[in-house]
Amino acid sequence: MAAAPRERSPFLGILSLPERNAVVQALRTETVGGLVLLAAAVIALTWANSPWSGAYERIRDFHFGIPALGLDLSVGHWTADGLLALFFLVAGIELKRELVVGELRTPATAALPVIAAVCGMAVPAALYAATAAAGGGSPKGWAVPMATDIAFALAVLAVLSTHLPAALRAFLLTLAVVDDLGAILIIAIFFTSDLDFTTLGGAVACLVVFHVLQRFRVRGWWWYVPLGVVTWALMYDSGIHATVAGVAIGLILRTTRDQGETASPAERTSHLIHPFSAGVVVPLFALFAAGVGVSGAALTEVFTRPEPLGVVLGLVVGKTLGIFAGTYLAARFTRARLNPDLAWADVLALAVLAGIGFTVALLIGELSFPDPAMTERVKAAVLIGSVIAAFLAALLIKRRNGIYRRLYEEEERDEDHDGIPDIYQRTAER
């Protein structure tokens, strides 16, 4: 007797309850942080284009630190190289969680979002390279339009008052996590200056000590905070971008709970740092990175010079094509099937929304172009491309918002007030 064919797993279906709770908690913090991020970006743009722009530049370029240790940095560099390491620490923890207990823990569940994210990075990079080559521009900015800013995207959703179902939000989060991994690898490989192997060896030794402390269940912030600061300083002095230290520490932190533990070290660290990262670190980075001069001539250059035009096209067109095509092909040639309550128009809306690149795109823009004038043009292109992507995504999402609201309310309904949505209890009874 022939075996019955295996049922195809639903893509963008109902998440497991633990995964849903983890996604909701993570995205709640990102949404609030995203709104603060939007405010910081508006303040930066207004300030940089006001009569007080000179004060903005003086504060951004003010240097302080410890010159003897090679840490005499400007305020702008402290936010990009120092504070942003905390942002990447949270990204490393989230990546570790996804790999251990989340959507990326098995090849079958990881295939579709990973393929979509990789295509969503490769196509924008290729589109930028083609645009730059056609216009005789520099190929250096190929990595700028590759990253999705999850906080900015969620802030747009909050402003729109939309209610994406948990599966769509989880898919967006997973895309952003894989994007962050790609950005980390790009920064580590392509934006590393002359290596100092002595200090790099010291940083690696610190990470080994960090791992040993975790392995032997040593507790106490007085061990980890000084060790983390030393690791960051050594990584910075080695020539590798200091944010890599944050990611490495996040990946080392233990994600699984021991018997009797209410939270793992990674969960406790994320609980403490994530709100500060989303509400303070990223907005401060935006405040000193998004302050670009916006004039008629500057806006014209964004669409007439190949480098900024490549960034805009990469974010708006490349991200959409890459993520949608990657998702469709992965679903077509794997056992995944689309949730019958949703349509491919919903995947398209999410792909357009993923074209909002801000924090990491601005950081890579600074690393790609040492020339201040070109850096300003590329930053302006990131802002314009993100705004266009947000506007187009808003149009698509608003058209489907009635369906999203129905699915969201069904997921959230808890008529017996036991803290568990009724839909999960119905599923368990079947």
Foldseek 3Di string as FASTA:
>chain_A
DDDDDDAFAAQLDDDDPVQLVVLVVLVVLLQVLLLLLVVLLVLLQDCCADPNVVVLVCQQQDWDDDVVLVRTGGLLVCLLQPLCLLVLLLLLLVLLCCCPPNQNVDCQSNVQLLLLLVLLQVQLLVLLQVLCVVQVHDSLLSRLQSAFRLSNLSNLCVVLVFFFASSLSVSLVSSRSSSSVVLLVCQQPPLFDQFDVVLVVVLVVLLVVLLVCQVVVPDDVVSVPVSLVSSLSSCVVRRRRSSNSSSSSSNSFDADDDPPDPGGRSRVSCVVRVSCCSNPSSSSSSNSQSNFHDDPVLVVCLCVNSNNVSSLCSLQPSQLCRNLVSNVVSCVPHSYDHDPLDDSLSSSLSSLSSSLDARSSSSSLCSRDVPPVSSSSNSVSNVVSNVVSSVVSSVSCVVCRVSSVVSSCQCPDDPVPPPHRVVNVVVVVD
